[in-house]
Amino acid sequence: MDAVMLLRDDLVSEVAKIVLTSGGKVLQEVILTKERVTIGRRLHNDIVLDDIRISGEHAVIVTVDGDSCVEDLNSTNGTQVNGQPVKTHYLRHGDVIKLAGYWLSYLKCGVEVEPTPD
């Protein structure tokens, strides 16, 4: 998934991303450019997890004005953040979402962008 950011002057933008891991391997990195990033077993999700323990529509990450929140969509096996079961949780840098045998690390990094030529 590619994201293009066009910023002018000396603006600094915080970009959040999800790093998906399982079995100690990084499977995917997703930059949170969309307002809603869906997670589940069905192919129409933004992040597809092929595991019977994952519901078809398991969870969603909603990002508004740079702040992100994970919401469990009444999944069968639930959603955990930092080892605690949650229905809704506002994410902070370094939070880890656990879904079955998958870990989704939420990382928020300031990105300095060079000025664009006029």
PDB file of N, CA and C in Angstrom:
ATOM      1  N   MET A   1       0.847  -1.173   0.000  1.00  0.00           N
ATOM      2  CA  MET A   1       0.000   0.000   0.000  1.00  0.00           C
ATOM      3  C   MET A   1       0.890   1.232   0.000  1.00  0.00           C
ATOM      4  N   ASP A   2       0.698   2.163  -0.935  1.00  0.00           N
ATOM      5  CA  ASP A   2       1.512   3.356  -1.026  1.00  0.00           C
ATOM      6  C   ASP A   2       0.707   4.550  -0.563  1.00  0.00           C
ATOM      7  N   ALA A   3       1.393   5.452   0.124  1.00  0.00           N
ATOM      8  CA  ALA A   3       0.753   6.682   0.561  1.00  0.00           C
ATOM      9  C   ALA A   3       1.599   7.846   0.072  1.00  0.00           C
ATOM     10  N   VAL A   4       0.969   8.850  -0.478  1.00  0.00           N
ATOM     11  CA  VAL A   4       1.682  10.020  -0.941  1.00  0.00           C
ATOM     12  C   VAL A   4       1.224  11.186  -0.093  1.00  0.00           C
ATOM     13  N   MET A   5       2.208  11.898   0.454  1.00  0.00           N
ATOM     14  CA  MET A   5       1.878  13.057   1.278  1.00  0.00           C
ATOM     15  C   MET A   5       2.513  14.281   0.638  1.00  0.00           C
ATOM     16  N   LEU A   6       1.737  15.271   0.336  1.00  0.00           N
ATOM     17  CA  LEU A   6       2.243  16.517  -0.203  1.00  0.00           C
ATOM     18  C   LEU A   6       2.034  17.592   0.845  1.00  0.00           C
ATOM     19  N   LEU A   7       3.145  18.091   1.396  1.00  0.00           N
ATOM     20  CA  LEU A   7       3.073  19.134   2.397  1.00  0.00           C
ATOM     21  C   LEU A   7       3.942  20.295   1.944  1.00  0.00           C
ATOM     22  N   ARG A   8       3.589  21.484   2.339  1.00  0.00           N
ATOM     23  CA  ARG A   8       4.327  22.665   1.915  1.00  0.00           C
ATOM     24  C   ARG A   8       5.064  23.271   3.095  1.00  0.00           C
ATOM     25  N   ASP A   9       6.063  24.055   2.766  1.00  0.00           N
ATOM     26  CA  ASP A   9       6.875  24.790   3.720  1.00  0.00           C
ATOM     27  C   ASP A   9       7.549  23.854   4.710  1.00  0.00           C
ATOM     28  N   ASP A  10       7.606  24.254   5.978  1.00  0.00           N
ATOM     29  CA  ASP A  10       8.333  23.471   6.985  1.00  0.00           C
ATOM     30  C   ASP A  10       7.372  22.704   7.882  1.00  0.00           C
ATOM     31  N   LEU A  11       6.309  22.186   7.315  1.00  0.00           N
ATOM     32  CA  LEU A  11       5.313  21.477   8.102  1.00  0.00           C
ATOM     33  C   LEU A  11       5.864  20.145   8.595  1.00  0.00           C
ATOM     34  N   VAL A  12       5.446  19.769   9.784  1.00  0.00           N
ATOM     35  CA  VAL A  12       5.780  18.458  10.327  1.00  0.00           C
ATOM     36  C   VAL A  12       4.469  17.731  10.535  1.00  0.00           C
ATOM     37  N   SER A  13       4.388  16.521  10.025  1.00  0.00           N
ATOM     38  CA  SER A  13       3.159  15.754  10.117  1.00  0.00           C
ATOM     39  C   SER A  13       3.429  14.465  10.881  1.00  0.00           C
ATOM     40  N   GLU A  14       2.520  14.080  11.751  1.00  0.00           N
ATOM     41  CA  GLU A  14       2.627  12.793  12.420  1.00  0.00           C
ATOM     42  C   GLU A  14       1.893  11.758  11.594  1.00  0.00           C
ATOM     43  N   VAL A  15       2.588  10.688  11.298  1.00  0.00           N
ATOM     44  CA  VAL A  15       2.014   9.613  10.510  1.00  0.00           C
ATOM     45  C   VAL A  15       1.938   8.384  11.394  1.00  0.00           C
ATOM     46  N   ALA A  16       0.789   7.750  11.417  1.00  0.00           N
ATOM     47  CA  ALA A  16       0.638   6.521  12.197  1.00  0.00           C
ATOM     48  C   ALA A  16       0.636   5.336  11.254  1.00  0.00           C
ATOM     49  N   LYS A  17       1.165   4.225  11.744  1.00  0.00           N
ATOM     50  CA  LYS A  17       1.130   3.002  10.951  1.00  0.00           C
ATOM     51  C   LYS A  17       0.932   1.814  11.874  1.00  0.00           C
ATOM     52  N   ILE A  18       0.494   0.727  11.262  1.00  0.00           N
ATOM     53  CA  ILE A  18       0.336  -0.551  11.938  1.00  0.00           C
ATOM     54  C   ILE A  18       1.386  -1.491  11.358  1.00  0.00           C
ATOM     55  N   VAL A  19       2.116  -2.161  12.242  1.00  0.00           N
ATOM     56  CA  VAL A  19       3.056  -3.194  11.815  1.00  0.00           C
ATOM     57  C   VAL A  19       2.480  -4.525  12.271  1.00  0.00           C
ATOM     58  N   LEU A  20       2.114  -5.365  11.305  1.00  0.00           N
ATOM     59  CA  LEU A  20       1.489  -6.660  11.576  1.00  0.00           C
ATOM     60  C   LEU A  20       2.571  -7.728  11.658  1.00  0.00           C
ATOM     61  N   THR A  21       2.593  -8.465  12.779  1.00  0.00           N
ATOM     62  CA  THR A  21       3.563  -9.548  12.946  1.00  0.00           C
ATOM     63  C   THR A  21       2.850 -10.813  13.413  1.00  0.00           C
ATOM     64  N   SER A  22       3.484 -11.937  13.107  1.00  0.00           N
ATOM     65  CA  SER A  22       3.022 -13.240  13.586  1.00  0.00           C
ATOM     66  C   SER A  22       4.217 -14.175  13.546  1.00  0.00           C
ATOM     67  N   GLY A  23       4.395 -14.959  14.586  1.00  0.00           N
ATOM     68  CA  GLY A  23       5.505 -15.892  14.635  1.00  0.00           C
ATOM     69  C   GLY A  23       6.857 -15.205  14.572  1.00  0.00           C
ATOM     70  N   GLY A  24       6.923 -13.973  15.059  1.00  0.00           N
ATOM     71  CA  GLY A  24       8.173 -13.231  15.054  1.00  0.00           C
ATOM     72  C   GLY A  24       8.549 -12.615  13.730  1.00  0.00           C
ATOM     73  N   LYS A  25       7.660 -12.709  12.719  1.00  0.00           N
ATOM     74  CA  LYS A  25       7.945 -12.164  11.391  1.00  0.00           C
ATOM     75  C   LYS A  25       7.014 -11.001  11.081  1.00  0.00           C
ATOM     76  N   VAL A  26       7.568  -9.962  10.474  1.00  0.00           N
ATOM     77  CA  VAL A  26       6.756  -8.841  10.007  1.00  0.00           C
ATOM     78  C   VAL A  26       6.052  -9.283   8.730  1.00  0.00           C
ATOM     79  N   LEU A  27       4.722  -9.225   8.759  1.00  0.00           N
ATOM     80  CA  LEU A  27       3.926  -9.649   7.601  1.00  0.00           C
ATOM     81  C   LEU A  27       3.497  -8.482   6.718  1.00  0.00           C
ATOM     82  N   GLN A  28       3.262  -7.327   7.366  1.00  0.00           N
ATOM     83  CA  GLN A  28       2.697  -6.209   6.617  1.00  0.00           C
ATOM     84  C   GLN A  28       2.861  -4.935   7.424  1.00  0.00           C
ATOM     85  N   GLU A  29       3.045  -3.813   6.725  1.00  0.00           N
ATOM     86  CA  GLU A  29       2.999  -2.494   7.343  1.00  0.00           C
ATOM     87  C   GLU A  29       1.923  -1.696   6.626  1.00  0.00           C
ATOM     88  N   VAL A  30       1.054  -1.062   7.409  1.00  0.00           N
ATOM     89  CA  VAL A  30      -0.060  -0.308   6.840  1.00  0.00           C
ATOM     90  C   VAL A  30      -0.017   1.108   7.391  1.00  0.00           C
ATOM     91  N   ILE A  31       0.178   2.087   6.508  1.00  0.00           N
ATOM     92  CA  ILE A  31       0.121   3.487   6.916  1.00  0.00           C
ATOM     93  C   ILE A  31      -1.345   3.873   7.016  1.00  0.00           C
ATOM     94  N   LEU A  32      -1.717   4.486   8.120  1.00  0.00           N
ATOM     95  CA  LEU A  32      -3.129   4.797   8.375  1.00  0.00           C
ATOM     96  C   LEU A  32      -3.514   6.118   7.702  1.00  0.00           C
ATOM     97  N   THR A  33      -3.736   6.044   6.403  1.00  0.00           N
ATOM     98  CA  THR A  33      -4.147   7.216   5.634  1.00  0.00           C
ATOM     99  C   THR A  33      -5.660   7.301   5.477  1.00  0.00           C
ATOM    100  N   LYS A  34      -6.347   6.185   5.681  1.00  0.00           N
ATOM    101  CA  LYS A  34      -7.809   6.149   5.567  1.00  0.00           C
ATOM    102  C   LYS A  34      -8.435   6.400   6.936  1.00  0.00           C
ATOM    103  N   GLU A  35      -9.655   6.919   6.935  1.00  0.00           N
ATOM    104  CA  GLU A  35     -10.354   7.136   8.195  1.00  0.00           C
ATOM    105  C   GLU A  35     -10.688   5.805   8.873  1.00  0.00           C
ATOM    106  N   ARG A  36     -11.039   4.789   8.088  1.00  0.00           N
ATOM    107  CA  ARG A  36     -11.386   3.471   8.636  1.00  0.00           C
ATOM    108  C   ARG A  36     -10.531   2.391   7.985  1.00  0.00           C
ATOM    109  N   VAL A  37      -9.836   1.627   8.801  1.00  0.00           N
ATOM    110  CA  VAL A  37      -9.060   0.486   8.329  1.00  0.00           C
ATOM    111  C   VAL A  37      -9.673  -0.747   8.980  1.00  0.00           C
ATOM    112  N   THR A  38     -10.279  -1.592   8.167  1.00  0.00           N
ATOM    113  CA  THR A  38     -10.964  -2.772   8.692  1.00  0.00           C
ATOM    114  C   THR A  38     -10.010  -3.962   8.765  1.00  0.00           C
ATOM    115  N   ILE A  39     -10.252  -4.804   9.769  1.00  0.00           N
ATOM    116  CA  ILE A  39      -9.418  -5.979  10.018  1.00  0.00           C
ATOM    117  C   ILE A  39     -10.337  -7.184  10.160  1.00  0.00           C
ATOM    118  N   GLY A  40     -10.031  -8.266   9.450  1.00  0.00           N
ATOM    119  CA  GLY A  40     -10.844  -9.469   9.575  1.00  0.00           C
ATOM    120  C   GLY A  40     -10.409 -10.554   8.619  1.00  0.00           C
ATOM    121  N   ARG A  41     -11.126 -11.635   8.633  1.00  0.00           N
ATOM    122  CA  ARG A  41     -10.806 -12.803   7.810  1.00  0.00           C
ATOM    123  C   ARG A  41     -11.306 -12.658   6.370  1.00  0.00           C
ATOM    124  N   ARG A  42     -12.365 -11.913   6.153  1.00  0.00           N
ATOM    125  CA  ARG A  42     -12.927 -11.775   4.809  1.00  0.00           C
ATOM    126  C   ARG A  42     -12.051 -10.897   3.920  1.00  0.00           C
ATOM    127  N   LEU A  43     -12.044 -11.210   2.647  1.00  0.00           N
ATOM    128  CA  LEU A  43     -11.133 -10.570   1.698  1.00  0.00           C
ATOM    129  C   LEU A  43     -11.387  -9.084   1.473  1.00  0.00           C
ATOM    130  N   HIS A  44     -12.566  -8.576   1.804  1.00  0.00           N
ATOM    131  CA  HIS A  44     -12.839  -7.155   1.578  1.00  0.00           C
ATOM    132  C   HIS A  44     -12.214  -6.254   2.636  1.00  0.00           C
ATOM    133  N   ASN A  45     -11.640  -6.826   3.698  1.00  0.00           N
ATOM    134  CA  ASN A  45     -11.001  -6.025   4.742  1.00  0.00           C
ATOM    135  C   ASN A  45      -9.702  -5.414   4.235  1.00  0.00           C
ATOM    136  N   ASP A  46      -9.299  -4.304   4.868  1.00  0.00           N
ATOM    137  CA  ASP A  46      -8.026  -3.671   4.527  1.00  0.00           C
ATOM    138  C   ASP A  46      -6.848  -4.520   4.997  1.00  0.00           C
ATOM    139  N   ILE A  47      -6.980  -5.122   6.175  1.00  0.00           N
ATOM    140  CA  ILE A  47      -5.987  -6.054   6.694  1.00  0.00           C
ATOM    141  C   ILE A  47      -6.679  -7.402   6.825  1.00  0.00           C
ATOM    142  N   VAL A  48      -6.264  -8.361   5.996  1.00  0.00           N
ATOM    143  CA  VAL A  48      -6.892  -9.685   5.966  1.00  0.00           C
ATOM    144  C   VAL A  48      -6.025 -10.650   6.762  1.00  0.00           C
ATOM    145  N   LEU A  49      -6.646 -11.310   7.749  1.00  0.00           N
ATOM    146  CA  LEU A  49      -5.956 -12.287   8.596  1.00  0.00           C
ATOM    147  C   LEU A  49      -6.604 -13.646   8.364  1.00  0.00           C
ATOM    148  N   ASP A  50      -5.880 -14.524   7.715  1.00  0.00           N
ATOM    149  CA  ASP A  50      -6.399 -15.827   7.330  1.00  0.00           C
ATOM    150  C   ASP A  50      -6.216 -16.816   8.479  1.00  0.00           C
ATOM    151  N   ASP A  51      -7.152 -16.757   9.428  1.00  0.00           N
ATOM    152  CA  ASP A  51      -7.093 -17.604  10.627  1.00  0.00           C
ATOM    153  C   ASP A  51      -8.530 -17.821  11.100  1.00  0.00           C
ATOM    154  N   ILE A  52      -8.892 -19.060  11.351  1.00  0.00           N
ATOM    155  CA  ILE A  52     -10.263 -19.387  11.757  1.00  0.00           C
ATOM    156  C   ILE A  52     -10.676 -18.680  13.051  1.00  0.00           C
ATOM    157  N   ARG A  53      -9.694 -18.287  13.867  1.00  0.00           N
ATOM    158  CA  ARG A  53      -9.992 -17.598  15.136  1.00  0.00           C
ATOM    159  C   ARG A  53     -10.329 -16.124  14.941  1.00  0.00           C
ATOM    160  N   ILE A  54     -10.135 -15.633  13.727  1.00  0.00           N
ATOM    161  CA  ILE A  54     -10.437 -14.240  13.396  1.00  0.00           C
ATOM    162  C   ILE A  54     -11.818 -14.178  12.765  1.00  0.00           C
ATOM    163  N   SER A  55     -12.649 -13.267  13.261  1.00  0.00           N
ATOM    164  CA  SER A  55     -13.986 -13.099  12.692  1.00  0.00           C
ATOM    165  C   SER A  55     -13.898 -12.467  11.305  1.00  0.00           C
ATOM    166  N   GLY A  56     -14.954 -12.640  10.518  1.00  0.00           N
ATOM    167  CA  GLY A  56     -15.004 -12.063   9.176  1.00  0.00           C
ATOM    168  C   GLY A  56     -14.767 -10.567   9.189  1.00  0.00           C
ATOM    169  N   GLU A  57     -15.425  -9.872  10.079  1.00  0.00           N
ATOM    170  CA  GLU A  57     -15.218  -8.444  10.341  1.00  0.00           C
ATOM    171  C   GLU A  57     -14.886  -8.349  11.816  1.00  0.00           C
ATOM    172  N   HIS A  58     -13.612  -8.395  12.151  1.00  0.00           N
ATOM    173  CA  HIS A  58     -13.169  -8.543  13.539  1.00  0.00           C
ATOM    174  C   HIS A  58     -13.058  -7.211  14.277  1.00  0.00           C
ATOM    175  N   ALA A  59     -12.350  -6.252  13.656  1.00  0.00           N
ATOM    176  CA  ALA A  59     -12.100  -4.967  14.319  1.00  0.00           C
ATOM    177  C   ALA A  59     -11.906  -3.887  13.269  1.00  0.00           C
ATOM    178  N   VAL A  60     -11.909  -2.637  13.732  1.00  0.00           N
ATOM    179  CA  VAL A  60     -11.666  -1.503  12.847  1.00  0.00           C
ATOM    180  C   VAL A  60     -10.796  -0.501  13.604  1.00  0.00           C
ATOM    181  N   ILE A  61      -9.895   0.141  12.862  1.00  0.00           N
ATOM    182  CA  ILE A  61      -9.134   1.257  13.411  1.00  0.00           C
ATOM    183  C   ILE A  61      -9.660   2.511  12.738  1.00  0.00           C
ATOM    184  N   VAL A  62     -10.150   3.443  13.554  1.00  0.00           N
ATOM    185  CA  VAL A  62     -10.713   4.695  13.056  1.00  0.00           C
ATOM    186  C   VAL A  62      -9.727   5.806  13.401  1.00  0.00           C
ATOM    187  N   THR A  63      -9.349   6.601  12.385  1.00  0.00           N
ATOM    188  CA  THR A  63      -8.415   7.701  12.590  1.00  0.00           C
ATOM    189  C   THR A  63      -9.075   9.001  12.170  1.00  0.00           C
ATOM    190  N   VAL A  64      -9.129   9.955  13.122  1.00  0.00           N
ATOM    191  CA  VAL A  64      -9.706  11.268  12.859  1.00  0.00           C
ATOM    192  C   VAL A  64      -8.755  12.312  13.440  1.00  0.00           C
ATOM    193  N   ASP A  65      -8.370  13.274  12.618  1.00  0.00           N
ATOM    194  CA  ASP A  65      -7.461  14.346  13.040  1.00  0.00           C
ATOM    195  C   ASP A  65      -6.196  13.806  13.702  1.00  0.00           C
ATOM    196  N   GLY A  66      -5.652  12.718  13.163  1.00  0.00           N
ATOM    197  CA  GLY A  66      -4.401  12.167  13.664  1.00  0.00           C
ATOM    198  C   GLY A  66      -4.510  11.268  14.877  1.00  0.00           C
ATOM    199  N   ASP A  67      -5.705  11.151  15.445  1.00  0.00           N
ATOM    200  CA  ASP A  67      -5.920  10.273  16.598  1.00  0.00           C
ATOM    201  C   ASP A  67      -6.613   9.001  16.136  1.00  0.00           C
ATOM    202  N   SER A  68      -6.120   7.852  16.627  1.00  0.00           N
ATOM    203  CA  SER A  68      -6.670   6.567  16.201  1.00  0.00           C
ATOM    204  C   SER A  68      -7.266   5.809  17.374  1.00  0.00           C
ATOM    205  N   CYS A  69      -8.293   5.040  17.057  1.00  0.00           N
ATOM    206  CA  CYS A  69      -9.009   4.244  18.041  1.00  0.00           C
ATOM    207  C   CYS A  69      -9.279   2.874  17.420  1.00  0.00           C
ATOM    208  N   VAL A  70      -9.064   1.804  18.190  1.00  0.00           N
ATOM    209  CA  VAL A  70      -9.422   0.472  17.713  1.00  0.00           C
ATOM    210  C   VAL A  70     -10.744   0.091  18.350  1.00  0.00           C
ATOM    211  N   GLU A  71     -11.611  -0.524  17.570  1.00  0.00           N
ATOM    212  CA  GLU A  71     -12.922  -0.959  18.064  1.00  0.00           C
ATOM    213  C   GLU A  71     -13.143  -2.413  17.668  1.00  0.00           C
ATOM    214  N   ASP A  72     -13.467  -3.240  18.633  1.00  0.00           N
ATOM    215  CA  ASP A  72     -13.835  -4.622  18.360  1.00  0.00           C
ATOM    216  C   ASP A  72     -15.252  -4.631  17.798  1.00  0.00           C
ATOM    217  N   LEU A  73     -15.473  -5.368  16.712  1.00  0.00           N
ATOM    218  CA  LEU A  73     -16.783  -5.400  16.051  1.00  0.00           C
ATOM    219  C   LEU A  73     -17.593  -6.617  16.494  1.00  0.00           C
ATOM    220  N   ASN A  74     -17.684  -6.810  17.807  1.00  0.00           N
ATOM    221  CA  ASN A  74     -18.396  -7.949  18.392  1.00  0.00           C
ATOM    222  C   ASN A  74     -17.862  -9.275  17.859  1.00  0.00           C
ATOM    223  N   SER A  75     -16.537  -9.353  17.775  1.00  0.00           N
ATOM    224  CA  SER A  75     -15.887 -10.567  17.279  1.00  0.00           C
ATOM    225  C   SER A  75     -16.087 -11.717  18.257  1.00  0.00           C
ATOM    226  N   THR A  76     -15.947 -12.916  17.764  1.00  0.00           N
ATOM    227  CA  THR A  76     -16.122 -14.111  18.592  1.00  0.00           C
ATOM    228  C   THR A  76     -15.033 -14.236  19.646  1.00  0.00           C
ATOM    229  N   ASN A  77     -13.782 -13.992  19.265  1.00  0.00           N
ATOM    230  CA  ASN A  77     -12.656 -14.209  20.180  1.00  0.00           C
ATOM    231  C   ASN A  77     -12.068 -12.945  20.774  1.00  0.00           C
ATOM    232  N   GLY A  78     -12.631 -11.790  20.462  1.00  0.00           N
ATOM    233  CA  GLY A  78     -12.239 -10.549  21.109  1.00  0.00           C
ATOM    234  C   GLY A  78     -10.960  -9.922  20.589  1.00  0.00           C
ATOM    235  N   THR A  79     -10.706  -8.737  21.132  1.00  0.00           N
ATOM    236  CA  THR A  79      -9.553  -7.917  20.782  1.00  0.00           C
ATOM    237  C   THR A  79      -8.871  -7.501  22.069  1.00  0.00           C
ATOM    238  N   GLN A  80      -7.546  -7.568  22.090  1.00  0.00           N
ATOM    239  CA  GLN A  80      -6.784  -7.133  23.251  1.00  0.00           C
ATOM    240  C   GLN A  80      -5.842  -6.006  22.840  1.00  0.00           C
ATOM    241  N   VAL A  81      -5.627  -5.077  23.766  1.00  0.00           N
ATOM    242  CA  VAL A  81      -4.599  -4.058  23.596  1.00  0.00           C
ATOM    243  C   VAL A  81      -3.723  -4.110  24.833  1.00  0.00           C
ATOM    244  N   ASN A  82      -2.442  -4.307  24.608  1.00  0.00           N
ATOM    245  CA  ASN A  82      -1.468  -4.412  25.703  1.00  0.00           C
ATOM    246  C   ASN A  82      -1.894  -5.458  26.736  1.00  0.00           C
ATOM    247  N   GLY A  83      -2.447  -6.577  26.237  1.00  0.00           N
ATOM    248  CA  GLY A  83      -2.815  -7.698  27.099  1.00  0.00           C
ATOM    249  C   GLY A  83      -4.168  -7.592  27.776  1.00  0.00           C
ATOM    250  N   GLN A  84      -4.910  -6.506  27.541  1.00  0.00           N
ATOM    251  CA  GLN A  84      -6.209  -6.305  28.175  1.00  0.00           C
ATOM    252  C   GLN A  84      -7.321  -6.370  27.127  1.00  0.00           C
ATOM    253  N   PRO A  85      -8.409  -7.114  27.420  1.00  0.00           N
ATOM    254  CA  PRO A  85      -9.535  -7.138  26.477  1.00  0.00           C
ATOM    255  C   PRO A  85     -10.170  -5.749  26.364  1.00  0.00           C
ATOM    256  N   VAL A  86     -10.519  -5.366  25.145  1.00  0.00           N
ATOM    257  CA  VAL A  86     -11.133  -4.051  24.920  1.00  0.00           C
ATOM    258  C   VAL A  86     -12.295  -4.170  23.943  1.00  0.00           C
ATOM    259  N   LYS A  87     -13.220  -3.259  24.067  1.00  0.00           N
ATOM    260  CA  LYS A  87     -14.253  -3.049  23.051  1.00  0.00           C
ATOM    261  C   LYS A  87     -13.852  -1.849  22.201  1.00  0.00           C
ATOM    262  N   THR A  88     -13.370  -0.797  22.869  1.00  0.00           N
ATOM    263  CA  THR A  88     -12.866   0.407  22.212  1.00  0.00           C
ATOM    264  C   THR A  88     -11.657   0.892  22.989  1.00  0.00           C
ATOM    265  N   HIS A  89     -10.624   1.323  22.259  1.00  0.00           N
ATOM    266  CA  HIS A  89      -9.415   1.802  22.930  1.00  0.00           C
ATOM    267  C   HIS A  89      -8.742   2.858  22.056  1.00  0.00           C
ATOM    268  N   TYR A  90      -8.474   4.043  22.648  1.00  0.00           N
ATOM    269  CA  TYR A  90      -7.726   5.069  21.936  1.00  0.00           C
ATOM    270  C   TYR A  90      -6.259   4.676  21.944  1.00  0.00           C
ATOM    271  N   LEU A  91      -5.658   4.621  20.777  1.00  0.00           N
ATOM    272  CA  LEU A  91      -4.305   4.097  20.627  1.00  0.00           C
ATOM    273  C   LEU A  91      -3.252   5.161  20.885  1.00  0.00           C
ATOM    274  N   ARG A  92      -2.159   4.710  21.523  1.00  0.00           N
ATOM    275  CA  ARG A  92      -0.986   5.544  21.756  1.00  0.00           C
ATOM    276  C   ARG A  92       0.218   4.849  21.134  1.00  0.00           C
ATOM    277  N   HIS A  93       1.218   5.632  20.816  1.00  0.00           N
ATOM    278  CA  HIS A  93       2.442   5.087  20.228  1.00  0.00           C
ATOM    279  C   HIS A  93       2.945   3.913  21.065  1.00  0.00           C
ATOM    280  N   GLY A  94       3.186   2.780  20.398  1.00  0.00           N
ATOM    281  CA  GLY A  94       3.719   1.605  21.081  1.00  0.00           C
ATOM    282  C   GLY A  94       2.673   0.613  21.548  1.00  0.00           C
ATOM    283  N   ASP A  95       1.383   0.970  21.468  1.00  0.00           N
ATOM    284  CA  ASP A  95       0.335   0.016  21.844  1.00  0.00           C
ATOM    285  C   ASP A  95       0.385  -1.197  20.924  1.00  0.00           C
ATOM    286  N   VAL A  96       0.056  -2.365  21.486  1.00  0.00           N
ATOM    287  CA  VAL A  96       0.053  -3.598  20.705  1.00  0.00           C
ATOM    288  C   VAL A  96      -1.340  -4.218  20.767  1.00  0.00           C
ATOM    289  N   ILE A  97      -1.954  -4.361  19.600  1.00  0.00           N
ATOM    290  CA  ILE A  97      -3.265  -4.995  19.460  1.00  0.00           C
ATOM    291  C   ILE A  97      -3.012  -6.476  19.187  1.00  0.00           C
ATOM    292  N   LYS A  98      -3.700  -7.346  19.934  1.00  0.00           N
ATOM    293  CA  LYS A  98      -3.537  -8.784  19.718  1.00  0.00           C
ATOM    294  C   LYS A  98      -4.859  -9.368  19.241  1.00  0.00           C
ATOM    295  N   LEU A  99      -4.783 -10.061  18.109  1.00  0.00           N
ATOM    296  CA  LEU A  99      -5.931 -10.759  17.543  1.00  0.00           C
ATOM    297  C   LEU A  99      -5.471 -12.178  17.239  1.00  0.00           C
ATOM    298  N   ALA A 100      -5.949 -13.148  18.011  1.00  0.00           N
ATOM    299  CA  ALA A 100      -5.528 -14.549  17.853  1.00  0.00           C
ATOM    300  C   ALA A 100      -4.003 -14.609  17.888  1.00  0.00           C
ATOM    301  N   GLY A 101      -3.355 -15.151  16.850  1.00  0.00           N
ATOM    302  CA  GLY A 101      -1.896 -15.262  16.823  1.00  0.00           C
ATOM    303  C   GLY A 101      -1.213 -14.119  16.100  1.00  0.00           C
ATOM    304  N   TYR A 102      -1.871 -12.973  15.995  1.00  0.00           N
ATOM    305  CA  TYR A 102      -1.322 -11.811  15.305  1.00  0.00           C
ATOM    306  C   TYR A 102      -1.153 -10.654  16.281  1.00  0.00           C
ATOM    307  N   TRP A 103      -0.086  -9.887  16.060  1.00  0.00           N
ATOM    308  CA  TRP A 103       0.168  -8.687  16.841  1.00  0.00           C
ATOM    309  C   TRP A 103       0.237  -7.523  15.877  1.00  0.00           C
ATOM    310  N   LEU A 104      -0.496  -6.451  16.191  1.00  0.00           N
ATOM    311  CA  LEU A 104      -0.502  -5.248  15.375  1.00  0.00           C
ATOM    312  C   LEU A 104       0.033  -4.112  16.240  1.00  0.00           C
ATOM    313  N   SER A 105       1.247  -3.673  15.954  1.00  0.00           N
ATOM    314  CA  SER A 105       1.872  -2.595  16.724  1.00  0.00           C
ATOM    315  C   SER A 105       1.487  -1.255  16.117  1.00  0.00           C
ATOM    316  N   TYR A 106       1.042  -0.343  16.973  1.00  0.00           N
ATOM    317  CA  TYR A 106       0.647   0.994  16.543  1.00  0.00           C
ATOM    318  C   TYR A 106       1.827   1.932  16.779  1.00  0.00           C
ATOM    319  N   LEU A 107       2.328   2.495  15.696  1.00  0.00           N
ATOM    320  CA  LEU A 107       3.481   3.381  15.782  1.00  0.00           C
ATOM    321  C   LEU A 107       3.130   4.728  15.185  1.00  0.00           C
ATOM    322  N   LYS A 108       3.447   5.778  15.925  1.00  0.00           N
ATOM    323  CA  LYS A 108       3.155   7.136  15.472  1.00  0.00           C
ATOM    324  C   LYS A 108       4.475   7.885  15.437  1.00  0.00           C
ATOM    325  N   CYS A 109       4.856   8.312  14.245  1.00  0.00           N
ATOM    326  CA  CYS A 109       6.170   8.925  14.076  1.00  0.00           C
ATOM    327  C   CYS A 109       6.018  10.289  13.428  1.00  0.00           C
ATOM    328  N   GLY A 110       6.751  11.269  13.942  1.00  0.00           N
ATOM    329  CA  GLY A 110       6.795  12.583  13.316  1.00  0.00           C
ATOM    330  C   GLY A 110       7.667  12.492  12.085  1.00  0.00           C
ATOM    331  N   VAL A 111       7.174  12.990  10.980  1.00  0.00           N
ATOM    332  CA  VAL A 111       7.922  12.948   9.734  1.00  0.00           C
ATOM    333  C   VAL A 111       8.176  14.376   9.298  1.00  0.00           C
ATOM    334  N   GLU A 112       9.434  14.732   9.193  1.00  0.00           N
ATOM    335  CA  GLU A 112       9.764  16.062   8.679  1.00  0.00           C
ATOM    336  C   GLU A 112       9.748  16.001   7.171  1.00  0.00           C
ATOM    337  N   VAL A 113       9.053  16.916   6.575  1.00  0.00           N
ATOM    338  CA  VAL A 113       8.906  16.931   5.122  1.00  0.00           C
ATOM    339  C   VAL A 113       9.594  18.170   4.584  1.00  0.00           C
ATOM    340  N   GLU A 114      10.449  17.984   3.581  1.00  0.00           N
ATOM    341  CA  GLU A 114      11.134  19.124   2.982  1.00  0.00           C
ATOM    342  C   GLU A 114      10.156  19.951   2.172  1.00  0.00           C
ATOM    343  N   PRO A 115      10.421  21.258   2.084  1.00  0.00           N
ATOM    344  CA  PRO A 115       9.517  22.110   1.295  1.00  0.00           C
ATOM    345  C   PRO A 115       9.461  21.645  -0.159  1.00  0.00           C
ATOM    346  N   THR A 116       8.275  21.780  -0.751  1.00  0.00           N
ATOM    347  CA  THR A 116       8.125  21.434  -2.161  1.00  0.00           C
ATOM    348  C   THR A 116       8.415  22.677  -2.996  1.00  0.00           C
ATOM    349  N   PRO A 117       9.025  22.512  -4.160  1.00  0.00           N
ATOM    350  CA  PRO A 117       9.286  23.681  -5.003  1.00  0.00           C
ATOM    351  C   PRO A 117       7.973  24.259  -5.539  1.00  0.00           C
ATOM    352  N   ASP A 118       7.933  25.575  -5.669  1.00  0.00           N
ATOM    353  CA  ASP A 118       6.711  26.212  -6.176  1.00  0.00           C
ATOM    354  C   ASP A 118       6.588  26.089  -7.670  1.00  0.00           C
TER     355      ASP A 118
END
